[in-house]
Protein backbone atom coordinates (compact mmCIF):
# COMPACT_ATOMS: atom_id res chain seq x y z
CA MET A 1 0.00 0.00 0.00
CA PRO A 2 1.46 3.40 -0.96
CA GLY A 3 2.35 5.58 2.00
CA VAL A 4 1.99 2.83 4.60
CA ARG A 5 5.68 2.15 5.20
CA GLU A 6 6.45 5.87 5.38
CA ALA A 7 3.64 6.48 7.88
CA ALA A 8 4.81 3.67 10.16
CA GLU A 9 8.47 4.73 9.96
CA ALA A 10 7.54 8.30 10.88
CA THR A 11 6.50 7.10 14.34
CA LEU A 12 9.79 5.35 15.15
CA GLY A 13 11.26 8.41 16.79
CA GLU A 14 8.49 8.28 19.40
CA LEU A 15 8.71 4.63 20.44
CA ASN A 16 9.39 5.74 24.03
CA LEU A 17 5.96 7.34 24.24
CA THR A 18 2.65 5.71 25.20
CA PRO A 19 0.42 5.26 22.14
CA ASP A 20 -3.13 6.59 22.16
CA PRO A 21 -4.98 3.78 23.99
CA PHE A 22 -8.20 4.35 22.05
CA SER A 23 -6.63 4.97 18.61
CA THR A 24 -8.58 8.22 18.38
CA ASP A 25 -7.31 9.41 15.00
CA LEU A 26 -7.59 5.97 13.43
CA VAL A 27 -11.10 5.46 14.80
CA ARG A 28 -12.14 8.84 13.41
CA ARG A 29 -10.78 7.88 9.96
CA ILE A 30 -12.50 4.50 10.02
CA ALA A 31 -15.77 6.16 11.02
CA GLU A 32 -15.46 8.67 8.17
CA HIS A 33 -14.57 5.88 5.76
CA HIS A 34 -17.77 3.99 6.59
CA GLY A 35 -20.00 6.97 7.26
CA VAL A 36 -20.77 6.14 10.89
CA PRO A 37 -20.27 8.02 14.19
CA ALA A 38 -16.90 7.44 15.85
CA GLY A 39 -18.69 6.02 18.89
CA GLN A 40 -19.72 3.03 16.77
CA VAL A 41 -16.09 2.03 16.04
CA LEU A 42 -13.66 0.21 18.32
CA ALA A 43 -10.09 -0.46 17.15
CA GLY A 44 -7.93 -3.25 18.53
CA VAL A 45 -4.94 -5.50 17.90
CA GLY A 46 -6.54 -7.46 15.09
CA SER A 47 -10.10 -8.66 14.66
CA GLY A 48 -9.22 -11.88 16.50
CA ALA A 49 -8.41 -10.04 19.72
CA LEU A 50 -11.55 -7.97 19.34
CA LEU A 51 -13.65 -11.09 18.88
CA GLN A 52 -12.07 -12.49 22.04
CA GLN A 53 -12.94 -9.31 23.94
CA PHE A 54 -16.48 -9.39 22.61
CA LEU A 55 -17.03 -13.00 23.67
CA GLN A 56 -15.62 -12.42 27.15
CA VAL A 57 -17.91 -9.45 27.71
CA HIS A 58 -21.09 -10.50 25.90
CA ALA A 59 -20.97 -14.28 26.35
CA GLY A 60 -18.94 -15.51 29.32
CA GLN A 61 -19.27 -18.45 31.68
CA GLY A 62 -22.41 -20.52 31.26
CA ALA A 63 -23.35 -18.97 27.93
CA GLU A 64 -23.53 -20.68 24.56
CA VAL A 65 -22.06 -19.33 21.32
CA VAL A 66 -23.39 -20.73 18.05
CA HIS A 67 -20.98 -20.82 15.11
CA PRO A 68 -20.62 -22.60 11.74
CA TRP A 69 -18.19 -25.48 11.36
CA PRO A 70 -15.79 -25.82 9.73
CA SER A 71 -15.08 -22.12 9.91
CA PHE A 72 -12.33 -19.96 11.39
CA GLU A 73 -10.41 -22.51 13.43
CA MET A 74 -9.93 -20.14 16.38
CA TYR A 75 -13.66 -19.78 17.13
CA PRO A 76 -13.86 -22.78 19.51
CA LEU A 77 -10.68 -21.70 21.31
CA MET A 78 -11.91 -18.11 21.70
CA ILE A 79 -15.26 -19.31 23.01
CA GLY A 80 -13.52 -21.64 25.46
CA ASN A 81 -11.27 -18.80 26.61
CA ALA A 82 -14.42 -16.86 27.43
CA ARG A 83 -15.57 -19.86 29.50
CA ALA A 84 -18.59 -20.24 27.27
CA THR A 85 -19.78 -23.33 25.41
CA ALA A 86 -19.14 -23.60 21.68
CA VAL A 87 -22.06 -24.92 19.64
CA GLY A 88 -20.65 -25.77 16.23
CA VAL A 89 -23.24 -26.24 13.49
CA PRO A 90 -22.08 -28.29 10.46
CA LEU A 91 -22.04 -26.56 7.11
CA ARG A 92 -24.45 -27.58 4.38
CA ASP A 93 -22.98 -27.70 0.89
CA ASP A 94 -19.86 -25.98 2.28
CA ALA A 95 -21.94 -22.97 3.42
CA HIS A 96 -23.63 -21.79 6.63
CA ASP A 97 -26.74 -23.82 7.39
CA LEU A 98 -28.75 -20.90 8.75
CA ASP A 99 -31.81 -23.03 9.42
CA ALA A 100 -29.77 -25.38 11.61
CA MET A 101 -28.02 -22.45 13.28
CA ALA A 102 -31.35 -20.84 14.15
CA ALA A 103 -32.57 -24.17 15.54
CA ALA A 104 -29.41 -24.43 17.67
CA ILE A 105 -30.19 -21.21 19.54
CA THR A 106 -31.38 -21.81 23.10
CA GLU A 107 -32.14 -19.63 26.10
CA ARG A 108 -28.43 -19.87 26.99
CA THR A 109 -27.27 -18.53 23.61
CA ARG A 110 -25.75 -15.07 23.87
CA VAL A 111 -23.76 -14.76 20.64
CA VAL A 112 -23.97 -16.16 17.11
CA LEU A 113 -20.90 -15.93 14.88
CA LEU A 114 -21.27 -15.65 11.11
CA CYS A 115 -18.10 -15.78 9.00
CA ASN A 116 -18.71 -14.00 5.70
CA PRO A 117 -16.98 -15.03 3.45
CA ASN A 118 -16.57 -18.24 5.39
CA ASN A 119 -13.02 -19.27 6.17
CA PRO A 120 -12.00 -21.87 4.90
CA THR A 121 -14.74 -22.63 2.34
CA GLY A 122 -15.04 -19.13 0.83
CA THR A 123 -18.84 -19.32 0.56
CA VAL A 124 -20.78 -16.09 1.08
CA LEU A 125 -24.07 -15.09 2.65
CA GLY A 126 -26.29 -12.54 0.95
CA THR A 127 -28.22 -9.74 2.64
CA GLY A 128 -31.53 -11.53 2.22
CA GLU A 129 -30.22 -14.71 3.83
CA ILE A 130 -28.93 -12.89 6.91
CA THR A 131 -32.04 -10.71 7.16
CA ARG A 132 -34.28 -13.78 7.20
CA PHE A 133 -31.98 -15.36 9.77
CA LEU A 134 -32.23 -12.28 12.00
CA ASP A 135 -36.01 -12.64 11.95
CA ARG A 136 -35.55 -15.97 13.77
CA VAL A 137 -33.02 -14.77 16.36
CA PRO A 138 -34.16 -13.55 19.81
CA GLN A 139 -33.67 -9.87 20.56
CA ASP A 140 -31.18 -10.55 23.37
CA VAL A 141 -28.73 -12.49 21.15
CA HIS A 142 -25.76 -10.72 19.53
CA ILE A 143 -24.92 -11.50 15.91
CA VAL A 144 -21.26 -10.96 15.01
CA ILE A 145 -20.45 -10.94 11.29
CA ASP A 146 -16.74 -11.67 10.81
CA GLU A 147 -15.81 -9.94 7.54
CA ALA A 148 -12.06 -10.56 7.52
CA TYR A 149 -12.08 -11.38 3.78
CA VAL A 150 -14.99 -9.21 2.61
CA ASP A 151 -12.90 -7.08 0.22
CA PHE A 152 -12.18 -10.10 -1.99
CA ALA A 153 -15.88 -10.83 -2.54
CA GLU A 154 -18.04 -9.52 -5.35
CA THR A 155 -19.95 -6.58 -3.89
CA GLY A 156 -23.35 -7.58 -5.23
CA SER A 157 -23.12 -11.15 -3.99
CA ILE A 158 -22.24 -10.62 -0.33
CA ALA A 159 -24.36 -9.18 2.47
CA ASP A 160 -23.90 -5.54 3.38
CA GLY A 161 -22.91 -6.18 6.97
CA LEU A 162 -22.41 -2.48 7.69
CA GLU A 163 -25.97 -1.67 6.65
CA LEU A 164 -27.27 -4.53 8.80
CA ALA A 165 -25.30 -3.13 11.75
CA ARG A 166 -26.79 0.32 11.13
CA THR A 167 -30.35 -0.97 11.16
CA ASP A 168 -30.24 -3.77 13.74
CA GLU A 169 -28.74 -3.21 17.21
CA ARG A 170 -28.01 -6.93 17.57
CA VAL A 171 -25.46 -6.86 14.72
CA THR A 172 -21.74 -6.24 15.14
CA VAL A 173 -19.28 -6.33 12.23
CA ALA A 174 -15.63 -7.35 12.70
CA ARG A 175 -13.04 -6.22 10.14
CA THR A 176 -9.27 -6.33 9.86
CA PHE A 177 -6.40 -4.61 8.08
CA SER A 178 -4.55 -7.95 7.96
CA LYS A 179 -5.92 -9.37 4.71
CA SER A 180 -6.90 -6.98 1.93
CA TYR A 181 -4.68 -4.15 3.24
CA GLY A 182 -1.75 -6.52 3.87
CA LEU A 183 -0.90 -5.36 7.43
CA LEU A 184 -0.97 -8.79 9.06
CA ALA A 185 2.18 -8.34 11.16
CA LEU A 186 1.00 -5.00 12.57
CA ARG A 187 -2.22 -6.43 14.07
CA VAL A 188 -4.98 -3.88 13.50
CA GLY A 189 -8.70 -4.56 13.37
CA TYR A 190 -11.96 -2.92 14.33
CA LEU A 191 -15.56 -3.52 15.31
CA LEU A 192 -18.54 -1.60 14.01
CA ALA A 193 -21.54 -1.79 16.34
CA PRO A 194 -24.04 0.28 18.33
CA GLU A 195 -22.35 2.46 20.96
CA SER A 196 -24.10 0.56 23.75
CA VAL A 197 -22.55 -2.71 22.59
CA LEU A 198 -19.03 -1.28 22.32
CA ALA A 199 -19.22 0.65 25.60
CA ALA A 200 -18.98 -2.60 27.53
CA LEU A 201 -15.74 -3.48 25.70
CA LYS A 202 -13.90 -0.18 26.10
CA PRO A 203 -12.58 -0.73 29.66
CA SER A 204 -10.64 -3.80 28.50
CA ALA A 205 -9.45 -1.97 25.36
CA LEU A 206 -6.74 -0.36 27.48
CA PHE A 207 -5.00 -3.76 27.53
CA PHE A 208 -5.38 -4.34 23.79
CA ARG A 209 -4.12 -0.99 22.51
CA VAL A 210 -2.85 -0.68 18.95
CA SER A 211 0.81 0.34 18.63
CA ALA A 212 1.67 3.79 17.26
CA PRO A 213 3.28 2.41 14.06
CA ALA A 214 0.23 0.22 13.45
CA GLN A 215 -2.17 3.12 13.99
CA ALA A 216 -0.25 5.27 11.53
CA ALA A 217 0.04 2.48 8.97
CA ALA A 218 -3.67 1.63 9.12
CA THR A 219 -4.63 5.29 8.73
CA ALA A 220 -2.40 5.56 5.67
CA ALA A 221 -3.83 2.32 4.30
CA LEU A 222 -7.33 3.81 4.36
CA ASP A 223 -6.04 6.61 2.15
CA ALA A 224 -4.96 3.94 -0.34
CA THR A 225 -8.31 2.11 -0.41
CA GLU A 226 -8.69 2.43 -4.18
CA VAL A 227 -5.31 0.75 -4.65
CA MET A 228 -6.42 -1.99 -2.28
CA ARG A 229 -9.60 -2.57 -4.28
CA ARG A 230 -7.66 -2.94 -7.52
CA GLN A 231 -5.29 -5.40 -5.89
CA CYS A 232 -8.18 -7.43 -4.46
CA ALA A 233 -9.83 -7.52 -7.88
CA ALA A 234 -6.62 -8.89 -9.37
CA VAL A 235 -6.44 -11.57 -6.64
CA ALA A 236 -10.09 -12.47 -7.24
CA ALA A 237 -9.47 -12.86 -10.97
CA GLU A 238 -6.52 -15.18 -10.29
CA ARG A 239 -8.63 -17.06 -7.72
CA ASP A 240 -11.33 -17.68 -10.32
CA ARG A 241 -8.75 -18.82 -12.88
CA LEU A 242 -7.35 -21.28 -10.36
CA ARG A 243 -10.85 -22.53 -9.56
CA ASP A 244 -11.60 -23.09 -13.24
CA GLY A 245 -8.43 -25.15 -13.53
CA LEU A 246 -9.30 -27.23 -10.48
CA LEU A 247 -12.82 -27.84 -11.78
CA ALA A 248 -11.30 -29.02 -15.05
CA CYS A 249 -9.26 -31.55 -13.04
CA GLY A 250 -12.49 -32.93 -11.57
CA PHE A 251 -12.40 -31.28 -8.14
CA ALA A 252 -15.58 -30.05 -6.46
CA VAL A 253 -14.62 -26.47 -5.59
CA PRO A 254 -17.32 -24.09 -4.34
CA PRO A 255 -17.26 -20.49 -5.57
CA SER A 256 -15.20 -18.36 -3.19
CA GLY A 257 -15.49 -14.80 -1.96
CA GLY A 258 -12.10 -14.94 -0.22
CA ASN A 259 -8.48 -15.02 -1.37
CA PHE A 260 -8.52 -18.81 -1.09
CA LEU A 261 -10.31 -21.90 -2.41
CA TRP A 262 -11.71 -24.96 -0.65
CA LEU A 263 -11.14 -28.56 -1.70
CA PRO A 264 -13.55 -30.81 0.25
CA LEU A 265 -11.32 -33.88 0.04
CA GLY A 266 -12.20 -35.48 3.36
CA ALA A 267 -9.98 -38.45 4.15
CA GLU A 268 -7.85 -37.76 1.06
CA SER A 269 -6.84 -34.31 2.33
CA SER A 270 -3.58 -35.48 3.89
CA ARG A 271 -2.42 -37.09 0.64
CA PHE A 272 -3.03 -33.85 -1.25
CA VAL A 273 -1.05 -31.95 1.38
CA GLU A 274 1.82 -34.42 0.97
CA LEU A 275 1.90 -33.94 -2.79
CA CYS A 276 1.89 -30.17 -2.39
CA ALA A 277 4.71 -30.34 0.18
CA ALA A 278 6.82 -32.34 -2.28
CA HIS A 279 6.66 -29.27 -4.53
CA ASP A 280 7.33 -26.82 -1.67
CA ILE A 281 3.69 -25.70 -1.61
CA VAL A 282 2.18 -25.20 1.83
CA VAL A 283 -1.55 -25.83 2.21
CA ARG A 284 -3.64 -26.54 5.27
CA VAL A 285 -6.09 -29.25 6.28
CA THR A 286 -9.10 -27.94 8.18
CA ALA A 287 -11.10 -30.12 10.56
CA GLU A 288 -10.07 -33.18 8.52
CA ALA A 289 -12.77 -32.09 6.07
CA GLY A 290 -10.74 -30.53 3.31
CA VAL A 291 -7.86 -28.38 2.19
CA ARG A 292 -7.70 -24.59 1.97
CA LEU A 293 -5.62 -23.19 -0.90
CA THR A 294 -4.51 -19.58 -0.56
CA VAL A 295 -4.30 -17.88 -3.95
CA GLY A 296 -0.70 -17.12 -4.86
CA THR A 297 1.06 -15.71 -7.89
CA ALA A 298 0.15 -16.99 -11.33
CA GLU A 299 3.35 -19.06 -11.37
CA VAL A 300 2.58 -20.69 -8.01
CA ASN A 301 -1.03 -21.30 -8.99
CA ASP A 302 0.09 -23.03 -12.18
CA LEU A 303 2.23 -25.31 -10.02
CA VAL A 304 -0.79 -26.01 -7.81
CA LEU A 305 -2.76 -27.02 -10.89
CA LYS A 306 0.06 -29.36 -11.91
CA VAL A 307 -0.06 -31.01 -8.47
CA ALA A 308 -3.85 -31.17 -8.64
CA ALA A 309 -3.70 -32.95 -11.98
CA GLU A 310 -1.19 -35.43 -10.53
CA PHE A 311 -3.47 -36.01 -7.53
CA ALA A 312 -6.52 -36.50 -9.76
CA ALA A 313 -4.66 -39.02 -11.91
CA GLU A 314 -3.56 -40.89 -8.80
CA GLN A 315 -7.12 -41.03 -7.48
CA SER A 316 -8.46 -42.47 -10.74
CA GLY A 317 -5.61 -44.96 -11.23
CA PRO A 318 -6.05 -48.75 -11.32
CA THR A 319 -5.04 -49.18 -7.67
CA ARG A 320 -8.02 -47.16 -6.44
């Protein structure tokens, strides 16, 4: 991102000073960027830490948290850290089963997590789907939409989580600078929610303050949003090319709104990982259900397609 490195380096002469604990300037810029009051934004050290804060405050011991599975692998750990009970609801056709998730809500449920696009499957939820789901959720249950990969999704296909948060006080949106803006190592994320929801989190925010270099870098990144969008569009185009190649090899690959693709290989996942490793390609098995492929350069993706063709040939060979 242009200007990001320079903004971060400009703070290095003040490393002996305490950074703004509430990231005031960054919060103001995020609020302006999304057209919301600053009181509806809370910045923190990555969306993961903010999700952990949220669960500890709004769920806690004895509560239940409903979430899709497989999804972001840290959800069960975060929920356990909050001393709540994780209620994982299996995906249907690699996507959130919102009917089953609604049925899983009990009087002990305090939070429902929606991952949109879902990590690792890449599937997306539309506005209509989430709106109908909200109609079935009790008024005292928080809905957190984790939008870590939202910038890689086609705008018309994915729910407008920010608009849902503006119109429904149960909805909180979690976003990060780690993915589309490329600031993973700096750890910056934010929540967008009603002020009453965030007010309960602010006392603990003092212990999750964003560093001065990270605040400066994230602010500069917002100024380069148009560059980010062009880069995400290029990644999405390469993602779709890779998917087409995998489909041609015979793989069942759902459409993805993230910067990754999902291969639901089940028990064969480990073998695919082994073949990739033999070519110095690192992929990850999730919940023993499948493999997540992060989209790389065109050269790397071509190598992935070569490995995929080798795997497909192996699977259809006479010894199978």
